[in-house]
PDB file of N, CA and C in Angstrom:
ATOM      1  N   MET A   1      22.978 143.442  15.237  1.00  0.00           N
ATOM      2  CA  MET A   1      22.654 142.150  15.808  1.00  0.00           C
ATOM      3  C   MET A   1      23.179 141.057  14.888  1.00  0.00           C
ATOM      4  N   ARG A   2      23.578 139.985  15.479  1.00  0.00           N
ATOM      5  CA  ARG A   2      24.097 138.851  14.711  1.00  0.00           C
ATOM      6  C   ARG A   2      23.037 138.310  13.748  1.00  0.00           C
ATOM      7  N   SER A   3      21.782 138.341  14.166  1.00  0.00           N
ATOM      8  CA  SER A   3      20.702 137.820  13.314  1.00  0.00           C
ATOM      9  C   SER A   3      20.479 138.665  12.065  1.00  0.00           C
ATOM     10  N   ASP A   4      21.056 139.863  12.011  1.00  0.00           N
ATOM     11  CA  ASP A   4      20.926 140.692  10.812  1.00  0.00           C
ATOM     12  C   ASP A   4      21.552 140.010   9.597  1.00  0.00           C
ATOM     13  N   PHE A   5      22.531 139.126   9.823  1.00  0.00           N
ATOM     14  CA  PHE A   5      23.103 138.363   8.714  1.00  0.00           C
ATOM     15  C   PHE A   5      22.031 137.533   8.015  1.00  0.00           C
ATOM     16  N   LEU A   6      20.951 137.262   8.714  1.00  0.00           N
ATOM     17  CA  LEU A   6      19.863 136.433   8.203  1.00  0.00           C
ATOM     18  C   LEU A   6      18.706 137.253   7.660  1.00  0.00           C
ATOM     19  N   LYS A   7      18.560 138.491   8.121  1.00  0.00           N
ATOM     20  CA  LYS A   7      17.319 139.197   7.840  1.00  0.00           C
ATOM     21  C   LYS A   7      17.446 140.551   7.163  1.00  0.00           C
ATOM     22  N   ASP A   8      18.642 141.084   6.966  1.00  0.00           N
ATOM     23  CA  ASP A   8      18.790 142.419   6.374  1.00  0.00           C
ATOM     24  C   ASP A   8      19.325 142.350   4.947  1.00  0.00           C
ATOM     25  N   GLY A   9      18.784 143.214   4.104  1.00  0.00           N
ATOM     26  CA  GLY A   9      19.294 143.375   2.749  1.00  0.00           C
ATOM     27  C   GLY A   9      18.563 142.548   1.707  1.00  0.00           C
ATOM     28  N   VAL A  10      18.766 142.952   0.451  1.00  0.00           N
ATOM     29  CA  VAL A  10      18.118 142.288  -0.673  1.00  0.00           C
ATOM     30  C   VAL A  10      18.570 140.828  -0.778  1.00  0.00           C
ATOM     31  N   ALA A  11      19.837 140.575  -0.512  1.00  0.00           N
ATOM     32  CA  ALA A  11      20.369 139.211  -0.631  1.00  0.00           C
ATOM     33  C   ALA A  11      19.735 138.247   0.376  1.00  0.00           C
ATOM     34  N   ARG A  12      19.098 138.790   1.396  1.00  0.00           N
ATOM     35  CA  ARG A  12      18.491 137.946   2.435  1.00  0.00           C
ATOM     36  C   ARG A  12      16.981 137.769   2.254  1.00  0.00           C
ATOM     37  N   LEU A  13      16.479 138.173   1.105  1.00  0.00           N
ATOM     38  CA  LEU A  13      15.056 137.992   0.825  1.00  0.00           C
ATOM     39  C   LEU A  13      14.610 136.530   0.967  1.00  0.00           C
ATOM     40  N   PRO A  14      15.361 135.560   0.434  1.00  0.00           N
ATOM     41  CA  PRO A  14      14.942 134.162   0.628  1.00  0.00           C
ATOM     42  C   PRO A  14      14.904 133.756   2.101  1.00  0.00           C
ATOM     43  N   HIS A  15      15.854 134.279   2.872  1.00  0.00           N
ATOM     44  CA  HIS A  15      15.886 133.970   4.301  1.00  0.00           C
ATOM     45  C   HIS A  15      14.648 134.538   4.996  1.00  0.00           C
ATOM     46  N   ARG A  16      14.321 135.802   4.660  1.00  0.00           N
ATOM     47  CA  ARG A  16      13.147 136.426   5.259  1.00  0.00           C
ATOM     48  C   ARG A  16      11.865 135.684   4.889  1.00  0.00           C
ATOM     49  N   SER A  17      11.812 135.166   3.670  1.00  0.00           N
ATOM     50  CA  SER A  17      10.607 134.433   3.276  1.00  0.00           C
ATOM     51  C   SER A  17      10.444 133.172   4.119  1.00  0.00           C
ATOM     52  N   LEU A  18      11.545 132.525   4.447  1.00  0.00           N
ATOM     53  CA  LEU A  18      11.463 131.343   5.315  1.00  0.00           C
ATOM     54  C   LEU A  18      11.055 131.737   6.729  1.00  0.00           C
ATOM     55  N   LEU A  19      11.573 132.863   7.215  1.00  0.00           N
ATOM     56  CA  LEU A  19      11.175 133.336   8.544  1.00  0.00           C
ATOM     57  C   LEU A  19       9.699 133.724   8.556  1.00  0.00           C
ATOM     58  N   LYS A  20       9.235 134.322   7.461  1.00  0.00           N
ATOM     59  CA  LYS A  20       7.805 134.660   7.373  1.00  0.00           C
ATOM     60  C   LYS A  20       6.948 133.395   7.312  1.00  0.00           C
ATOM     61  N   ALA A  21       7.480 132.336   6.724  1.00  0.00           N
ATOM     62  CA  ALA A  21       6.757 131.062   6.694  1.00  0.00           C
ATOM     63  C   ALA A  21       6.567 130.518   8.112  1.00  0.00           C
ATOM     64  N   LEU A  22       7.437 130.927   9.026  1.00  0.00           N
ATOM     65  CA  LEU A  22       7.280 130.560  10.438  1.00  0.00           C
ATOM     66  C   LEU A  22       6.214 131.395  11.131  1.00  0.00           C
ATOM     67  N   GLY A  23       5.776 132.470  10.443  1.00  0.00           N
ATOM     68  CA  GLY A  23       4.758 133.337  11.020  1.00  0.00           C
ATOM     69  C   GLY A  23       5.291 134.652  11.547  1.00  0.00           C
ATOM     70  N   LEU A  24       6.578 134.937  11.347  1.00  0.00           N
ATOM     71  CA  LEU A  24       7.146 136.192  11.833  1.00  0.00           C
ATOM     72  C   LEU A  24       6.646 137.376  11.019  1.00  0.00           C
ATOM     73  N   THR A  25       6.420 138.481  11.718  1.00  0.00           N
ATOM     74  CA  THR A  25       6.001 139.720  11.077  1.00  0.00           C
ATOM     75  C   THR A  25       7.224 140.606  10.841  1.00  0.00           C
ATOM     76  N   ASP A  26       7.044 141.668  10.066  1.00  0.00           N
ATOM     77  CA  ASP A  26       8.148 142.604   9.816  1.00  0.00           C
ATOM     78  C   ASP A  26       8.641 143.220  11.124  1.00  0.00           C
ATOM     79  N   SER A  27       7.727 143.555  12.028  1.00  0.00           N
ATOM     80  CA  SER A  27       8.148 144.169  13.297  1.00  0.00           C
ATOM     81  C   SER A  27       8.898 143.158  14.171  1.00  0.00           C
ATOM     82  N   GLU A  28       8.516 141.904  14.121  1.00  0.00           N
ATOM     83  CA  GLU A  28       9.228 140.888  14.908  1.00  0.00           C
ATOM     84  C   GLU A  28      10.634 140.653  14.371  1.00  0.00           C
ATOM     85  N   MET A  29      10.823 140.854  13.069  1.00  0.00           N
ATOM     86  CA  MET A  29      12.151 140.653  12.481  1.00  0.00           C
ATOM     87  C   MET A  29      13.154 141.696  12.944  1.00  0.00           C
ATOM     88  N   LYS A  30      12.675 142.774  13.513  1.00  0.00           N
ATOM     89  CA  LYS A  30      13.569 143.813  14.019  1.00  0.00           C
ATOM     90  C   LYS A  30      14.044 143.520  15.445  1.00  0.00           C
ATOM     91  N   LYS A  31      13.460 142.523  16.074  1.00  0.00           N
ATOM     92  CA  LYS A  31      13.801 142.173  17.456  1.00  0.00           C
ATOM     93  C   LYS A  31      14.931 141.146  17.475  1.00  0.00           C
ATOM     94  N   PRO A  32      15.629 141.037  18.610  1.00  0.00           N
ATOM     95  CA  PRO A  32      16.678 140.015  18.728  1.00  0.00           C
ATOM     96  C   PRO A  32      16.085 138.611  18.650  1.00  0.00           C
ATOM     97  N   PHE A  33      16.796 137.730  17.971  1.00  0.00           N
ATOM     98  CA  PHE A  33      16.433 136.319  17.893  1.00  0.00           C
ATOM     99  C   PHE A  33      17.216 135.571  18.969  1.00  0.00           C
ATOM    100  N   ILE A  34      16.507 134.877  19.835  1.00  0.00           N
ATOM    101  CA  ILE A  34      17.131 134.190  20.968  1.00  0.00           C
ATOM    102  C   ILE A  34      16.840 132.699  20.900  1.00  0.00           C
ATOM    103  N   ALA A  35      17.880 131.890  20.939  1.00  0.00           N
ATOM    104  CA  ALA A  35      17.728 130.436  20.958  1.00  0.00           C
ATOM    105  C   ALA A  35      17.364 129.984  22.364  1.00  0.00           C
ATOM    106  N   VAL A  36      16.479 129.016  22.436  1.00  0.00           N
ATOM    107  CA  VAL A  36      16.167 128.324  23.690  1.00  0.00           C
ATOM    108  C   VAL A  36      16.551 126.869  23.442  1.00  0.00           C
ATOM    109  N   VAL A  37      17.632 126.453  24.062  1.00  0.00           N
ATOM    110  CA  VAL A  37      18.183 125.118  23.846  1.00  0.00           C
ATOM    111  C   VAL A  37      17.681 124.208  24.957  1.00  0.00           C
ATOM    112  N   SER A  38      17.003 123.140  24.574  1.00  0.00           N
ATOM    113  CA  SER A  38      16.352 122.292  25.565  1.00  0.00           C
ATOM    114  C   SER A  38      16.705 120.822  25.379  1.00  0.00           C
ATOM    115  N   ALA A  39      16.873 120.147  26.493  1.00  0.00           N
ATOM    116  CA  ALA A  39      17.055 118.693  26.490  1.00  0.00           C
ATOM    117  C   ALA A  39      15.808 118.026  27.061  1.00  0.00           C
ATOM    118  N   ALA A  40      14.662 118.671  26.887  1.00  0.00           N
ATOM    119  CA  ALA A  40      13.404 118.126  27.402  1.00  0.00           C
ATOM    120  C   ALA A  40      13.172 116.733  26.837  1.00  0.00           C
ATOM    121  N   SER A  41      12.670 115.860  27.697  1.00  0.00           N
ATOM    122  CA  SER A  41      12.450 114.476  27.291  1.00  0.00           C
ATOM    123  C   SER A  41      11.410 113.838  28.196  1.00  0.00           C
ATOM    124  N   ASP A  42      10.569 113.031  27.600  1.00  0.00           N
ATOM    125  CA  ASP A  42       9.614 112.250  28.389  1.00  0.00           C
ATOM    126  C   ASP A  42      10.231 110.952  28.887  1.00  0.00           C
ATOM    127  N   TYR A  43      11.457 110.668  28.486  1.00  0.00           N
ATOM    128  CA  TYR A  43      12.124 109.413  28.836  1.00  0.00           C
ATOM    129  C   TYR A  43      13.152 109.572  29.949  1.00  0.00           C
ATOM    130  N   VAL A  44      13.750 110.745  30.040  1.00  0.00           N
ATOM    131  CA  VAL A  44      14.774 110.989  31.062  1.00  0.00           C
ATOM    132  C   VAL A  44      14.095 111.681  32.243  1.00  0.00           C
ATOM    133  N   PRO A  45      14.031 111.013  33.414  1.00  0.00           N
ATOM    134  CA  PRO A  45      13.299 111.580  34.553  1.00  0.00           C
ATOM    135  C   PRO A  45      13.754 112.989  34.941  1.00  0.00           C
ATOM    136  N   GLY A  46      15.028 113.251  34.878  1.00  0.00           N
ATOM    137  CA  GLY A  46      15.542 114.561  35.247  1.00  0.00           C
ATOM    138  C   GLY A  46      15.284 115.643  34.222  1.00  0.00           C
ATOM    139  N   HIS A  47      14.729 115.268  33.078  1.00  0.00           N
ATOM    140  CA  HIS A  47      14.474 116.241  32.018  1.00  0.00           C
ATOM    141  C   HIS A  47      12.988 116.449  31.755  1.00  0.00           C
ATOM    142  N   MET A  48      12.125 115.741  32.463  1.00  0.00           N
ATOM    143  CA  MET A  48      10.684 115.826  32.202  1.00  0.00           C
ATOM    144  C   MET A  48      10.124 117.232  32.425  1.00  0.00           C
ATOM    145  N   HIS A  49      10.677 117.963  33.371  1.00  0.00           N
ATOM    146  CA  HIS A  49      10.181 119.302  33.691  1.00  0.00           C
ATOM    147  C   HIS A  49      10.651 120.366  32.703  1.00  0.00           C
ATOM    148  N   LEU A  50      11.569 120.008  31.827  1.00  0.00           N
ATOM    149  CA  LEU A  50      12.162 121.018  30.956  1.00  0.00           C
ATOM    150  C   LEU A  50      11.199 121.539  29.896  1.00  0.00           C
ATOM    151  N   HIS A  51      10.137 120.788  29.569  1.00  0.00           N
ATOM    152  CA  HIS A  51       9.113 121.316  28.653  1.00  0.00           C
ATOM    153  C   HIS A  51       8.509 122.599  29.239  1.00  0.00           C
ATOM    154  N   GLU A  52       8.137 122.534  30.518  1.00  0.00           N
ATOM    155  CA  GLU A  52       7.532 123.696  31.180  1.00  0.00           C
ATOM    156  C   GLU A  52       8.535 124.836  31.343  1.00  0.00           C
ATOM    157  N   LEU A  53       9.774 124.484  31.662  1.00  0.00           N
ATOM    158  CA  LEU A  53      10.803 125.510  31.823  1.00  0.00           C
ATOM    159  C   LEU A  53      11.038 126.245  30.499  1.00  0.00           C
ATOM    160  N   SER A  54      11.113 125.506  29.413  1.00  0.00           N
ATOM    161  CA  SER A  54      11.297 126.136  28.098  1.00  0.00           C
ATOM    162  C   SER A  54      10.147 127.077  27.773  1.00  0.00           C
ATOM    163  N   ARG A  55       8.926 126.661  28.085  1.00  0.00           N
ATOM    164  CA  ARG A  55       7.758 127.509  27.825  1.00  0.00           C
ATOM    165  C   ARG A  55       7.877 128.821  28.610  1.00  0.00           C
ATOM    166  N   ALA A  56       8.273 128.740  29.866  1.00  0.00           N
ATOM    167  CA  ALA A  56       8.421 129.951  30.686  1.00  0.00           C
ATOM    168  C   ALA A  56       9.529 130.852  30.140  1.00  0.00           C
ATOM    169  N   VAL A  57      10.624 130.261  29.711  1.00  0.00           N
ATOM    170  CA  VAL A  57      11.735 131.042  29.149  1.00  0.00           C
ATOM    171  C   VAL A  57      11.287 131.740  27.869  1.00  0.00           C
ATOM    172  N   LYS A  58      10.586 131.011  26.996  1.00  0.00           N
ATOM    173  CA  LYS A  58      10.117 131.617  25.742  1.00  0.00           C
ATOM    174  C   LYS A  58       9.131 132.751  26.015  1.00  0.00           C
ATOM    175  N   ASP A  59       8.254 132.578  26.986  1.00  0.00           N
ATOM    176  CA  ASP A  59       7.316 133.642  27.341  1.00  0.00           C
ATOM    177  C   ASP A  59       8.059 134.889  27.811  1.00  0.00           C
ATOM    178  N   ALA A  60       9.117 134.702  28.593  1.00  0.00           N
ATOM    179  CA  ALA A  60       9.901 135.836  29.081  1.00  0.00           C
ATOM    180  C   ALA A  60      10.639 136.534  27.933  1.00  0.00           C
ATOM    181  N   ILE A  61      11.178 135.766  27.018  1.00  0.00           N
ATOM    182  CA  ILE A  61      11.897 136.342  25.875  1.00  0.00           C
ATOM    183  C   ILE A  61      10.970 137.204  25.032  1.00  0.00           C
ATOM    184  N   LEU A  62       9.707 136.805  24.935  1.00  0.00           N
ATOM    185  CA  LEU A  62       8.750 137.552  24.113  1.00  0.00           C
ATOM    186  C   LEU A  62       8.555 138.993  24.574  1.00  0.00           C
ATOM    187  N   ASN A  63       9.024 139.336  25.757  1.00  0.00           N
ATOM    188  CA  ASN A  63       8.940 140.718  26.233  1.00  0.00           C
ATOM    189  C   ASN A  63       9.819 141.664  25.423  1.00  0.00           C
ATOM    190  N   GLY A  64      10.804 141.134  24.699  1.00  0.00           N
ATOM    191  CA  GLY A  64      11.650 142.026  23.915  1.00  0.00           C
ATOM    192  C   GLY A  64      12.348 141.352  22.755  1.00  0.00           C
ATOM    193  N   GLY A  65      12.168 140.046  22.627  1.00  0.00           N
ATOM    194  CA  GLY A  65      12.840 139.307  21.561  1.00  0.00           C
ATOM    195  C   GLY A  65      11.937 138.236  20.985  1.00  0.00           C
ATOM    196  N   ILE A  66      12.518 137.438  20.126  1.00  0.00           N
ATOM    197  CA  ILE A  66      11.798 136.342  19.489  1.00  0.00           C
ATOM    198  C   ILE A  66      12.520 135.041  19.841  1.00  0.00           C
ATOM    199  N   PRO A  67      11.830 134.134  20.550  1.00  0.00           N
ATOM    200  CA  PRO A  67      12.474 132.863  20.922  1.00  0.00           C
ATOM    201  C   PRO A  67      12.357 131.820  19.812  1.00  0.00           C
ATOM    202  N   PHE A  68      13.411 131.042  19.674  1.00  0.00           N
ATOM    203  CA  PHE A  68      13.423 129.891  18.779  1.00  0.00           C
ATOM    204  C   PHE A  68      13.974 128.707  19.567  1.00  0.00           C
ATOM    205  N   GLU A  69      13.129 127.732  19.813  1.00  0.00           N
ATOM    206  CA  GLU A  69      13.546 126.572  20.604  1.00  0.00           C
ATOM    207  C   GLU A  69      14.049 125.463  19.691  1.00  0.00           C
ATOM    208  N   PHE A  70      15.135 124.831  20.116  1.00  0.00           N
ATOM    209  CA  PHE A  70      15.552 123.586  19.485  1.00  0.00           C
ATOM    210  C   PHE A  70      16.025 122.634  20.570  1.00  0.00           C
ATOM    211  N   SER A  71      15.991 121.366  20.234  1.00  0.00           N
ATOM    212  CA  SER A  71      16.257 120.326  21.231  1.00  0.00           C
ATOM    213  C   SER A  71      17.617 119.685  21.047  1.00  0.00           C
ATOM    214  N   THR A  72      18.107 119.128  22.127  1.00  0.00           N
ATOM    215  CA  THR A  72      19.303 118.302  22.109  1.00  0.00           C
ATOM    216  C   THR A  72      18.926 116.939  22.674  1.00  0.00           C
ATOM    217  N   ILE A  73      19.812 115.993  22.509  1.00  0.00           N
ATOM    218  CA  ILE A  73      19.593 114.700  23.139  1.00  0.00           C
ATOM    219  C   ILE A  73      19.962 114.804  24.612  1.00  0.00           C
ATOM    220  N   GLY A  74      19.559 113.829  25.373  1.00  0.00           N
ATOM    221  CA  GLY A  74      19.948 113.749  26.778  1.00  0.00           C
ATOM    222  C   GLY A  74      19.988 112.285  27.184  1.00  0.00           C
ATOM    223  N   VAL A  75      21.097 111.854  27.718  1.00  0.00           N
ATOM    224  CA  VAL A  75      21.245 110.475  28.161  1.00  0.00           C
ATOM    225  C   VAL A  75      21.244 110.455  29.677  1.00  0.00           C
ATOM    226  N   CYS A  76      20.394 109.620  30.248  1.00  0.00           N
ATOM    227  CA  CYS A  76      20.318 109.480  31.703  1.00  0.00           C
ATOM    228  C   CYS A  76      21.341 108.446  32.163  1.00  0.00           C
ATOM    229  N   ASP A  77      22.292 108.869  32.999  1.00  0.00           N
ATOM    230  CA  ASP A  77      23.300 107.944  33.510  1.00  0.00           C
ATOM    231  C   ASP A  77      22.661 106.756  34.218  1.00  0.00           C
ATOM    232  N   GLY A  78      21.612 107.004  34.986  1.00  0.00           N
ATOM    233  CA  GLY A  78      20.968 105.939  35.738  1.00  0.00           C
ATOM    234  C   GLY A  78      20.320 104.898  34.847  1.00  0.00           C
ATOM    235  N   LEU A  79      19.631 105.342  33.794  1.00  0.00           N
ATOM    236  CA  LEU A  79      18.993 104.400  32.874  1.00  0.00           C
ATOM    237  C   LEU A  79      20.009 103.678  31.998  1.00  0.00           C
ATOM    238  N   ALA A  80      21.174 104.267  31.831  1.00  0.00           N
ATOM    239  CA  ALA A  80      22.193 103.684  30.957  1.00  0.00           C
ATOM    240  C   ALA A  80      23.125 102.705  31.682  1.00  0.00           C
ATOM    241  N   MET A  81      23.049 102.629  32.983  1.00  0.00           N
ATOM    242  CA  MET A  81      23.997 101.805  33.741  1.00  0.00           C
ATOM    243  C   MET A  81      23.681 100.308  33.683  1.00  0.00           C
ATOM    244  N   ASN A  82      24.745  99.511  33.833  1.00  0.00           N
ATOM    245  CA  ASN A  82      24.697  98.055  33.956  1.00  0.00           C
ATOM    246  C   ASN A  82      24.233  97.338  32.690  1.00  0.00           C
ATOM    247  N   HIS A  83      24.438  97.945  31.555  1.00  0.00           N
ATOM    248  CA  HIS A  83      24.246  97.289  30.258  1.00  0.00           C
ATOM    249  C   HIS A  83      25.100  98.059  29.257  1.00  0.00           C
ATOM    250  N   LYS A  84      25.072  97.668  27.990  1.00  0.00           N
ATOM    251  CA  LYS A  84      25.981  98.313  27.032  1.00  0.00           C
ATOM    252  C   LYS A  84      25.727  99.808  26.878  1.00  0.00           C
ATOM    253  N   GLY A  85      24.566 100.291  27.336  1.00  0.00           N
ATOM    254  CA  GLY A  85      24.280 101.715  27.288  1.00  0.00           C
ATOM    255  C   GLY A  85      25.220 102.559  28.125  1.00  0.00           C
ATOM    256  N   MET A  86      25.924 101.917  29.071  1.00  0.00           N
ATOM    257  CA  MET A  86      26.806 102.694  29.947  1.00  0.00           C
ATOM    258  C   MET A  86      28.010 103.281  29.217  1.00  0.00           C
ATOM    259  N   ARG A  87      28.209 102.891  27.970  1.00  0.00           N
ATOM    260  CA  ARG A  87      29.310 103.464  27.185  1.00  0.00           C
ATOM    261  C   ARG A  87      28.948 104.841  26.602  1.00  0.00           C
ATOM    262  N   TYR A  88      27.698 105.247  26.732  1.00  0.00           N
ATOM    263  CA  TYR A  88      27.231 106.406  25.982  1.00  0.00           C
ATOM    264  C   TYR A  88      27.068 107.729  26.737  1.00  0.00           C
ATOM    265  N   PRO A  89      26.885 107.766  28.037  1.00  0.00           N
ATOM    266  CA  PRO A  89      26.699 109.078  28.671  1.00  0.00           C
ATOM    267  C   PRO A  89      27.840 110.064  28.416  1.00  0.00           C
ATOM    268  N   LEU A  90      29.080 109.644  28.541  1.00  0.00           N
ATOM    269  CA  LEU A  90      30.188 110.571  28.300  1.00  0.00           C
ATOM    270  C   LEU A  90      30.281 110.964  26.832  1.00  0.00           C
ATOM    271  N   ALA A  91      30.108 109.991  25.938  1.00  0.00           N
ATOM    272  CA  ALA A  91      30.162 110.286  24.498  1.00  0.00           C
ATOM    273  C   ALA A  91      29.031 111.233  24.094  1.00  0.00           C
ATOM    274  N   SER A  92      27.891 111.124  24.753  1.00  0.00           N
ATOM    275  CA  SER A  92      26.751 111.968  24.388  1.00  0.00           C
ATOM    276  C   SER A  92      27.046 113.446  24.639  1.00  0.00           C
ATOM    277  N   ARG A  93      27.894 113.732  25.596  1.00  0.00           N
ATOM    278  CA  ARG A  93      28.216 115.136  25.893  1.00  0.00           C
ATOM    279  C   ARG A  93      28.867 115.819  24.697  1.00  0.00           C
ATOM    280  N   GLU A  94      29.731 115.091  24.002  1.00  0.00           N
ATOM    281  CA  GLU A  94      30.366 115.638  22.796  1.00  0.00           C
ATOM    282  C   GLU A  94      29.334 115.851  21.701  1.00  0.00           C
ATOM    283  N   LEU A  95      28.435 114.893  21.535  1.00  0.00           N
ATOM    284  CA  LEU A  95      27.373 115.033  20.534  1.00  0.00           C
ATOM    285  C   LEU A  95      26.477 116.231  20.830  1.00  0.00           C
ATOM    286  N   ILE A  96      26.157 116.419  22.096  1.00  0.00           N
ATOM    287  CA  ILE A  96      25.300 117.531  22.498  1.00  0.00           C
ATOM    288  C   ILE A  96      25.971 118.863  22.180  1.00  0.00           C
ATOM    289  N   THR A  97      27.225 119.018  22.607  1.00  0.00           N
ATOM    290  CA  THR A  97      27.902 120.297  22.363  1.00  0.00           C
ATOM    291  C   THR A  97      28.115 120.543  20.879  1.00  0.00           C
ATOM    292  N   ASP A  98      28.429 119.486  20.133  1.00  0.00           N
ATOM    293  CA  ASP A  98      28.605 119.654  18.682  1.00  0.00           C
ATOM    294  C   ASP A  98      27.294 120.055  18.014  1.00  0.00           C
ATOM    295  N   SER A  99      26.194 119.429  18.400  1.00  0.00           N
ATOM    296  CA  SER A  99      24.907 119.752  17.771  1.00  0.00           C
ATOM    297  C   SER A  99      24.473 121.181  18.099  1.00  0.00           C
ATOM    298  N   ILE A 100      24.739 121.618  19.308  1.00  0.00           N
ATOM    299  CA  ILE A 100      24.413 123.007  19.676  1.00  0.00           C
ATOM    300  C   ILE A 100      25.269 123.974  18.875  1.00  0.00           C
ATOM    301  N   GLU A 101      26.551 123.676  18.749  1.00  0.00           N
ATOM    302  CA  GLU A 101      27.440 124.533  17.967  1.00  0.00           C
ATOM    303  C   GLU A 101      26.971 124.629  16.514  1.00  0.00           C
ATOM    304  N   VAL A 102      26.557 123.513  15.942  1.00  0.00           N
ATOM    305  CA  VAL A 102      26.068 123.512  14.563  1.00  0.00           C
ATOM    306  C   VAL A 102      24.843 124.413  14.435  1.00  0.00           C
ATOM    307  N   MET A 103      23.883 124.250  15.322  1.00  0.00           N
ATOM    308  CA  MET A 103      22.661 125.051  15.239  1.00  0.00           C
ATOM    309  C   MET A 103      22.943 126.539  15.412  1.00  0.00           C
ATOM    310  N   LEU A 104      23.774 126.888  16.384  1.00  0.00           N
ATOM    311  CA  LEU A 104      24.026 128.304  16.659  1.00  0.00           C
ATOM    312  C   LEU A 104      24.942 128.952  15.631  1.00  0.00           C
ATOM    313  N   THR A 105      25.702 128.160  14.903  1.00  0.00           N
ATOM    314  CA  THR A 105      26.550 128.703  13.851  1.00  0.00           C
ATOM    315  C   THR A 105      25.793 128.779  12.527  1.00  0.00           C
ATOM    316  N   ALA A 106      25.009 127.760  12.225  1.00  0.00           N
ATOM    317  CA  ALA A 106      24.264 127.725  10.971  1.00  0.00           C
ATOM    318  C   ALA A 106      23.122 128.740  10.949  1.00  0.00           C
ATOM    319  N   HIS A 107      22.581 129.048  12.120  1.00  0.00           N
ATOM    320  CA  HIS A 107      21.445 129.968  12.225  1.00  0.00           C
ATOM    321  C   HIS A 107      21.838 131.125  13.138  1.00  0.00           C
ATOM    322  N   PRO A 108      22.311 132.231  12.574  1.00  0.00           N
ATOM    323  CA  PRO A 108      22.802 133.335  13.393  1.00  0.00           C
ATOM    324  C   PRO A 108      21.717 133.895  14.321  1.00  0.00           C
ATOM    325  N   LEU A 109      21.929 133.717  15.585  1.00  0.00           N
ATOM    326  CA  LEU A 109      21.010 134.221  16.600  1.00  0.00           C
ATOM    327  C   LEU A 109      21.750 135.225  17.466  1.00  0.00           C
ATOM    328  N   ASP A 110      21.000 136.006  18.213  1.00  0.00           N
ATOM    329  CA  ASP A 110      21.588 137.085  19.007  1.00  0.00           C
ATOM    330  C   ASP A 110      21.891 136.681  20.431  1.00  0.00           C
ATOM    331  N   GLY A 111      21.392 135.550  20.857  1.00  0.00           N
ATOM    332  CA  GLY A 111      21.647 135.067  22.209  1.00  0.00           C
ATOM    333  C   GLY A 111      21.099 133.665  22.348  1.00  0.00           C
ATOM    334  N   ALA A 112      21.403 133.054  23.490  1.00  0.00           N
ATOM    335  CA  ALA A 112      20.924 131.691  23.736  1.00  0.00           C
ATOM    336  C   ALA A 112      20.694 131.496  25.221  1.00  0.00           C
ATOM    337  N   VAL A 113      19.649 130.732  25.533  1.00  0.00           N
ATOM    338  CA  VAL A 113      19.350 130.329  26.901  1.00  0.00           C
ATOM    339  C   VAL A 113      19.320 128.802  26.897  1.00  0.00           C
ATOM    340  N   PHE A 114      20.018 128.202  27.845  1.00  0.00           N
ATOM    341  CA  PHE A 114      20.074 126.749  27.950  1.00  0.00           C
ATOM    342  C   PHE A 114      19.259 126.324  29.147  1.00  0.00           C
ATOM    343  N   ASP A 115      18.299 125.407  28.947  1.00  0.00           N
ATOM    344  CA  ASP A 115      17.431 125.035  30.055  1.00  0.00           C
ATOM    345  C   ASP A 115      17.791 123.692  30.687  1.00  0.00           C
ATOM    346  N   ASP A 116      18.931 123.135  30.394  1.00  0.00           N
ATOM    347  CA  ASP A 116      19.268 121.853  31.015  1.00  0.00           C
ATOM    348  C   ASP A 116      20.445 121.966  31.940  1.00  0.00           C
TER     349      ASP A 116
END
């Protein structure tokens, strides 16, 4: 598993200690680590339901893996229109993909589910 780069061997003892600080057990460390990437927001109307969707996805992952949720930004085209904010929806897409790439590269996970 890709997450073994984070959790196997003597050299990864510091990494395991940080994972244990999250509350993970030794048996959970043997399971696949799955990212849940969410753009949940209380400000973007189309993203308000994503809190519940992420919870359901994480519950399903727990049947055989360990979920780790992280968030991305989300810009609402409708709220951004007709003022200087309208310059940002397209630019935000690059920021979103870059931030996801950083998280998934810096923290080796075995899979990812995107809820937006």
